[in-house]
Amino acid sequence: MDTATIGLFVGATPGVVIILRNMWYQQTLQKQIQAVAWEEQNWNATQLGFRQQFNLLFHPEKYVSPSDGPAMVKAKQALLSAWPQIRRRHWIGGGVLVLGAILGVVVGVALA
């Protein structure tokens, strides 16, 4: 591999790490929701379906349904309260990925 390719991968790595850690954090919150759903035997909430994903992204006020129990509401509200931070970290990770890749290529070409 040439130095520009190595620079691309090395520069993009921090952004990928930020995004993957953020995705892991979101998954842990969703696993808590699934655990509560299993306890309450609410089979519709065990998987994050298309409608729930859509509501989480575009209509967070509709994410908590009226049929949810108190534990489910608490688990969903934990995800909703962390949601702006999750989105912000994703945007930051994407920016770091793009800028790091560009800078890595520039440094790799300069070192060649």
N, C-alpha and C. Protein backbone atom coordinates (compact mmCIF):
# COMPACT_ATOMS: atom_id res chain seq x y z
N MET A 1 0.85 -1.19 0.00
CA MET A 1 0.00 0.00 0.00
C MET A 1 0.88 1.24 0.00
N ASP A 2 0.39 2.23 -0.69
CA ASP A 2 1.15 3.47 -0.69
C ASP A 2 0.78 4.33 0.52
N THR A 3 1.54 5.39 0.73
CA THR A 3 1.37 6.20 1.93
C THR A 3 0.05 6.96 1.94
N ALA A 4 -0.48 7.31 0.78
CA ALA A 4 -1.76 8.02 0.74
C ALA A 4 -2.89 7.12 1.23
N THR A 5 -2.87 5.85 0.85
CA THR A 5 -3.90 4.91 1.30
C THR A 5 -3.78 4.66 2.80
N ILE A 6 -2.57 4.50 3.27
CA ILE A 6 -2.37 4.32 4.71
C ILE A 6 -2.83 5.56 5.46
N GLY A 7 -2.51 6.74 4.93
CA GLY A 7 -2.95 7.99 5.54
C GLY A 7 -4.46 8.10 5.59
N LEU A 8 -5.14 7.63 4.53
CA LEU A 8 -6.60 7.65 4.50
C LEU A 8 -7.17 6.82 5.64
N PHE A 9 -6.67 5.60 5.79
CA PHE A 9 -7.19 4.71 6.83
C PHE A 9 -6.83 5.19 8.23
N VAL A 10 -5.61 5.65 8.41
CA VAL A 10 -5.19 6.13 9.73
C VAL A 10 -5.95 7.40 10.09
N GLY A 11 -6.17 8.28 9.12
CA GLY A 11 -6.89 9.52 9.39
C GLY A 11 -8.37 9.30 9.66
N ALA A 12 -8.96 8.32 9.02
CA ALA A 12 -10.40 8.06 9.19
C ALA A 12 -10.70 7.24 10.44
N THR A 13 -9.73 6.58 10.99
CA THR A 13 -9.94 5.69 12.12
C THR A 13 -10.56 6.37 13.35
N PRO A 14 -10.11 7.55 13.77
CA PRO A 14 -10.75 8.16 14.95
C PRO A 14 -12.25 8.43 14.75
N GLY A 15 -12.64 8.86 13.56
CA GLY A 15 -14.05 9.10 13.29
C GLY A 15 -14.86 7.81 13.34
N VAL A 16 -14.31 6.74 12.80
CA VAL A 16 -14.99 5.45 12.83
C VAL A 16 -15.13 4.98 14.28
N VAL A 17 -14.10 5.18 15.09
CA VAL A 17 -14.16 4.78 16.50
C VAL A 17 -15.24 5.57 17.24
N ILE A 18 -15.32 6.87 16.99
CA ILE A 18 -16.34 7.70 17.64
C ILE A 18 -17.74 7.20 17.26
N ILE A 19 -17.95 6.94 15.99
CA ILE A 19 -19.27 6.49 15.51
C ILE A 19 -19.61 5.12 16.09
N LEU A 20 -18.65 4.21 16.11
CA LEU A 20 -18.93 2.86 16.64
C LEU A 20 -19.22 2.89 18.14
N ARG A 21 -18.49 3.69 18.90
CA ARG A 21 -18.77 3.81 20.34
C ARG A 21 -20.15 4.42 20.56
N ASN A 22 -20.51 5.38 19.74
CA ASN A 22 -21.82 6.00 19.85
C ASN A 22 -22.93 5.00 19.52
N MET A 23 -22.71 4.19 18.50
CA MET A 23 -23.70 3.17 18.14
C MET A 23 -23.82 2.14 19.25
N TRP A 24 -22.71 1.80 19.90
CA TRP A 24 -22.74 0.85 21.01
C TRP A 24 -23.54 1.42 22.17
N TYR A 25 -23.35 2.71 22.46
CA TYR A 25 -24.09 3.36 23.54
C TYR A 25 -25.60 3.35 23.24
N GLN A 26 -25.96 3.65 22.00
CA GLN A 26 -27.38 3.64 21.63
C GLN A 26 -27.94 2.22 21.73
N GLN A 27 -27.16 1.23 21.35
CA GLN A 27 -27.62 -0.15 21.44
C GLN A 27 -27.85 -0.57 22.88
N THR A 28 -27.00 -0.11 23.81
CA THR A 28 -27.21 -0.46 25.21
C THR A 28 -28.52 0.12 25.73
N LEU A 29 -28.84 1.35 25.30
CA LEU A 29 -30.11 1.94 25.71
C LEU A 29 -31.29 1.18 25.10
N GLN A 30 -31.15 0.75 23.85
CA GLN A 30 -32.23 0.00 23.22
C GLN A 30 -32.36 -1.39 23.82
N LYS A 31 -31.25 -1.98 24.26
CA LYS A 31 -31.32 -3.28 24.93
C LYS A 31 -32.07 -3.17 26.25
N GLN A 32 -31.93 -2.04 26.95
CA GLN A 32 -32.69 -1.82 28.17
C GLN A 32 -34.19 -1.77 27.87
N ILE A 33 -34.55 -1.12 26.77
CA ILE A 33 -35.95 -1.07 26.36
C ILE A 33 -36.45 -2.47 26.04
N GLN A 34 -35.63 -3.25 25.34
CA GLN A 34 -36.03 -4.62 25.00
C GLN A 34 -36.18 -5.48 26.26
N ALA A 35 -35.30 -5.29 27.23
CA ALA A 35 -35.40 -6.07 28.47
C ALA A 35 -36.70 -5.75 29.20
N VAL A 36 -37.05 -4.47 29.25
CA VAL A 36 -38.32 -4.09 29.89
C VAL A 36 -39.49 -4.64 29.10
N ALA A 37 -39.39 -4.62 27.78
CA ALA A 37 -40.47 -5.16 26.95
C ALA A 37 -40.66 -6.65 27.20
N TRP A 38 -39.58 -7.39 27.37
CA TRP A 38 -39.69 -8.82 27.67
C TRP A 38 -40.32 -9.04 29.03
N GLU A 39 -39.95 -8.20 30.00
CA GLU A 39 -40.53 -8.34 31.34
C GLU A 39 -42.03 -8.06 31.32
N GLU A 40 -42.43 -7.05 30.55
CA GLU A 40 -43.85 -6.69 30.49
C GLU A 40 -44.61 -7.50 29.45
N GLN A 41 -43.91 -8.36 28.72
CA GLN A 41 -44.47 -9.16 27.64
C GLN A 41 -45.15 -8.28 26.60
N ASN A 42 -44.50 -7.18 26.29
CA ASN A 42 -44.94 -6.27 25.24
C ASN A 42 -44.13 -6.63 23.99
N TRP A 43 -44.64 -7.57 23.21
CA TRP A 43 -43.86 -8.13 22.12
C TRP A 43 -43.64 -7.13 20.99
N ASN A 44 -44.48 -6.12 20.86
CA ASN A 44 -44.28 -5.12 19.82
C ASN A 44 -43.05 -4.26 20.09
N ALA A 45 -42.69 -4.09 21.34
CA ALA A 45 -41.57 -3.22 21.69
C ALA A 45 -40.25 -3.97 21.80
N THR A 46 -40.25 -5.30 21.59
CA THR A 46 -39.00 -6.04 21.72
C THR A 46 -38.05 -5.75 20.58
N GLN A 47 -38.58 -5.40 19.43
CA GLN A 47 -37.75 -5.02 18.29
C GLN A 47 -38.12 -3.59 17.90
N LEU A 48 -37.12 -2.81 17.53
CA LEU A 48 -37.36 -1.44 17.10
C LEU A 48 -37.82 -1.48 15.65
N GLY A 49 -39.14 -1.49 15.45
CA GLY A 49 -39.71 -1.58 14.12
C GLY A 49 -39.57 -0.29 13.33
N PHE A 50 -40.01 -0.34 12.08
CA PHE A 50 -39.85 0.82 11.20
C PHE A 50 -40.58 2.04 11.75
N ARG A 51 -41.79 1.86 12.23
CA ARG A 51 -42.56 2.99 12.74
C ARG A 51 -41.88 3.60 13.97
N GLN A 52 -41.35 2.73 14.86
CA GLN A 52 -40.66 3.24 16.04
C GLN A 52 -39.37 3.97 15.66
N GLN A 53 -38.64 3.46 14.67
CA GLN A 53 -37.43 4.13 14.21
C GLN A 53 -37.79 5.49 13.60
N PHE A 54 -38.86 5.52 12.81
CA PHE A 54 -39.29 6.77 12.19
C PHE A 54 -39.69 7.78 13.27
N ASN A 55 -40.45 7.32 14.26
CA ASN A 55 -40.85 8.23 15.33
C ASN A 55 -39.65 8.70 16.14
N LEU A 56 -38.69 7.83 16.38
CA LEU A 56 -37.50 8.22 17.12
C LEU A 56 -36.71 9.29 16.37
N LEU A 57 -36.63 9.16 15.05
CA LEU A 57 -35.86 10.12 14.26
C LEU A 57 -36.61 11.43 14.02
N PHE A 58 -37.88 11.34 13.67
CA PHE A 58 -38.58 12.54 13.20
C PHE A 58 -39.67 13.05 14.13
N HIS A 59 -40.25 12.18 14.93
CA HIS A 59 -41.33 12.58 15.85
C HIS A 59 -41.08 11.97 17.22
N PRO A 60 -40.08 12.46 17.97
CA PRO A 60 -39.78 11.85 19.26
C PRO A 60 -40.94 11.91 20.25
N GLU A 61 -41.83 12.87 20.09
CA GLU A 61 -42.97 12.96 21.01
C GLU A 61 -43.93 11.79 20.83
N LYS A 62 -43.88 11.11 19.70
CA LYS A 62 -44.75 9.95 19.45
C LYS A 62 -44.08 8.63 19.81
N TYR A 63 -42.81 8.68 20.22
CA TYR A 63 -42.07 7.44 20.50
C TYR A 63 -42.64 6.70 21.70
N VAL A 64 -43.03 7.44 22.73
CA VAL A 64 -43.65 6.82 23.90
C VAL A 64 -45.14 6.71 23.62
N SER A 65 -45.62 5.48 23.56
CA SER A 65 -47.04 5.29 23.26
C SER A 65 -47.86 5.26 24.55
N PRO A 66 -49.15 5.55 24.46
CA PRO A 66 -49.98 5.56 25.66
C PRO A 66 -50.13 4.19 26.32
N SER A 67 -49.91 3.13 25.56
CA SER A 67 -50.07 1.78 26.12
C SER A 67 -48.82 1.30 26.86
N ASP A 68 -47.77 2.08 26.88
CA ASP A 68 -46.53 1.68 27.57
C ASP A 68 -46.71 1.76 29.08
N GLY A 69 -46.12 0.78 29.77
CA GLY A 69 -46.15 0.78 31.22
C GLY A 69 -45.14 1.77 31.79
N PRO A 70 -45.16 1.96 33.10
CA PRO A 70 -44.26 2.94 33.71
C PRO A 70 -42.77 2.61 33.50
N ALA A 71 -42.40 1.34 33.57
CA ALA A 71 -41.00 0.98 33.35
C ALA A 71 -40.59 1.21 31.90
N MET A 72 -41.51 0.92 30.98
CA MET A 72 -41.23 1.13 29.56
C MET A 72 -41.09 2.62 29.27
N VAL A 73 -41.95 3.43 29.86
CA VAL A 73 -41.86 4.88 29.66
C VAL A 73 -40.53 5.40 30.18
N LYS A 74 -40.10 4.90 31.32
CA LYS A 74 -38.82 5.34 31.90
C LYS A 74 -37.66 4.95 30.99
N ALA A 75 -37.68 3.72 30.46
CA ALA A 75 -36.61 3.26 29.57
C ALA A 75 -36.60 4.05 28.27
N LYS A 76 -37.78 4.31 27.72
CA LYS A 76 -37.84 5.07 26.47
C LYS A 76 -37.43 6.52 26.70
N GLN A 77 -37.79 7.07 27.85
CA GLN A 77 -37.41 8.45 28.13
C GLN A 77 -35.90 8.57 28.33
N ALA A 78 -35.26 7.52 28.83
CA ALA A 78 -33.80 7.53 28.95
C ALA A 78 -33.16 7.63 27.57
N LEU A 79 -33.72 6.88 26.60
CA LEU A 79 -33.22 6.96 25.24
C LEU A 79 -33.51 8.33 24.63
N LEU A 80 -34.71 8.83 24.86
CA LEU A 80 -35.07 10.14 24.30
C LEU A 80 -34.22 11.26 24.89
N SER A 81 -33.89 11.17 26.16
CA SER A 81 -33.08 12.23 26.75
C SER A 81 -31.64 12.19 26.23
N ALA A 82 -31.16 11.01 25.86
CA ALA A 82 -29.81 10.88 25.32
C ALA A 82 -29.77 11.09 23.81
N TRP A 83 -30.94 11.15 23.16
CA TRP A 83 -30.99 11.19 21.71
C TRP A 83 -30.28 12.40 21.10
N PRO A 84 -30.45 13.63 21.61
CA PRO A 84 -29.71 14.76 21.01
C PRO A 84 -28.19 14.58 21.10
N GLN A 85 -27.73 14.04 22.21
CA GLN A 85 -26.30 13.79 22.37
C GLN A 85 -25.83 12.71 21.39
N ILE A 86 -26.64 11.69 21.17
CA ILE A 86 -26.28 10.62 20.24
C ILE A 86 -26.17 11.18 18.82
N ARG A 87 -27.15 11.98 18.42
CA ARG A 87 -27.08 12.58 17.07
C ARG A 87 -25.88 13.49 16.93
N ARG A 88 -25.62 14.31 17.96
CA ARG A 88 -24.48 15.23 17.90
C ARG A 88 -23.18 14.45 17.78
N ARG A 89 -23.02 13.37 18.54
CA ARG A 89 -21.80 12.56 18.45
C ARG A 89 -21.66 11.92 17.08
N HIS A 90 -22.77 11.52 16.49
CA HIS A 90 -22.71 10.95 15.15
C HIS A 90 -22.22 11.98 14.13
N TRP A 91 -22.75 13.19 14.22
CA TRP A 91 -22.30 14.25 13.31
C TRP A 91 -20.82 14.57 13.54
N ILE A 92 -20.41 14.64 14.79
CA ILE A 92 -19.00 14.91 15.09
C ILE A 92 -18.12 13.78 14.56
N GLY A 93 -18.55 12.55 14.77
CA GLY A 93 -17.79 11.40 14.26
C GLY A 93 -17.67 11.42 12.75
N GLY A 94 -18.76 11.79 12.07
CA GLY A 94 -18.71 11.88 10.61
C GLY A 94 -17.76 12.97 10.15
N GLY A 95 -17.79 14.11 10.84
CA GLY A 95 -16.89 15.20 10.49
C GLY A 95 -15.43 14.82 10.73
N VAL A 96 -15.17 14.17 11.86
CA VAL A 96 -13.80 13.72 12.16
C VAL A 96 -13.36 12.69 11.13
N LEU A 97 -14.26 11.81 10.72
CA LEU A 97 -13.93 10.81 9.72
C LEU A 97 -13.53 11.47 8.41
N VAL A 98 -14.34 12.41 7.93
CA VAL A 98 -14.06 13.06 6.64
C VAL A 98 -12.79 13.89 6.71
N LEU A 99 -12.69 14.74 7.74
CA LEU A 99 -11.50 15.59 7.86
C LEU A 99 -10.24 14.77 8.10
N GLY A 100 -10.35 13.73 8.92
CA GLY A 100 -9.20 12.88 9.17
C GLY A 100 -8.74 12.15 7.92
N ALA A 101 -9.69 11.69 7.13
CA ALA A 101 -9.33 11.00 5.89
C ALA A 101 -8.64 11.94 4.93
N ILE A 102 -9.17 13.14 4.79
CA ILE A 102 -8.55 14.12 3.88
C ILE A 102 -7.15 14.50 4.37
N LEU A 103 -7.04 14.81 5.66
CA LEU A 103 -5.73 15.16 6.21
C LEU A 103 -4.75 13.99 6.13
N GLY A 104 -5.25 12.78 6.34
CA GLY A 104 -4.38 11.60 6.23
C GLY A 104 -3.84 11.42 4.83
N VAL A 105 -4.67 11.66 3.83
CA VAL A 105 -4.20 11.55 2.44
C VAL A 105 -3.18 12.65 2.13
N VAL A 106 -3.48 13.86 2.60
CA VAL A 106 -2.56 14.98 2.35
C VAL A 106 -1.20 14.70 2.99
N VAL A 107 -1.21 14.25 4.23
CA VAL A 107 0.05 13.94 4.91
C VAL A 107 0.74 12.76 4.23
N GLY A 108 -0.02 11.76 3.81
CA GLY A 108 0.56 10.61 3.13
C GLY A 108 1.21 10.99 1.83
N VAL A 109 0.58 11.88 1.08
CA VAL A 109 1.16 12.34 -0.19
C VAL A 109 2.40 13.18 0.09
N ALA A 110 2.35 14.00 1.13
CA ALA A 110 3.50 14.84 1.47
C ALA A 110 4.70 14.00 1.91
N LEU A 111 4.45 12.88 2.55
CA LEU A 111 5.53 12.02 3.01
C LEU A 111 6.09 11.13 1.91
N ALA A 112 5.35 10.98 0.84
CA ALA A 112 5.78 10.07 -0.23
C ALA A 112 6.93 10.61 -1.04
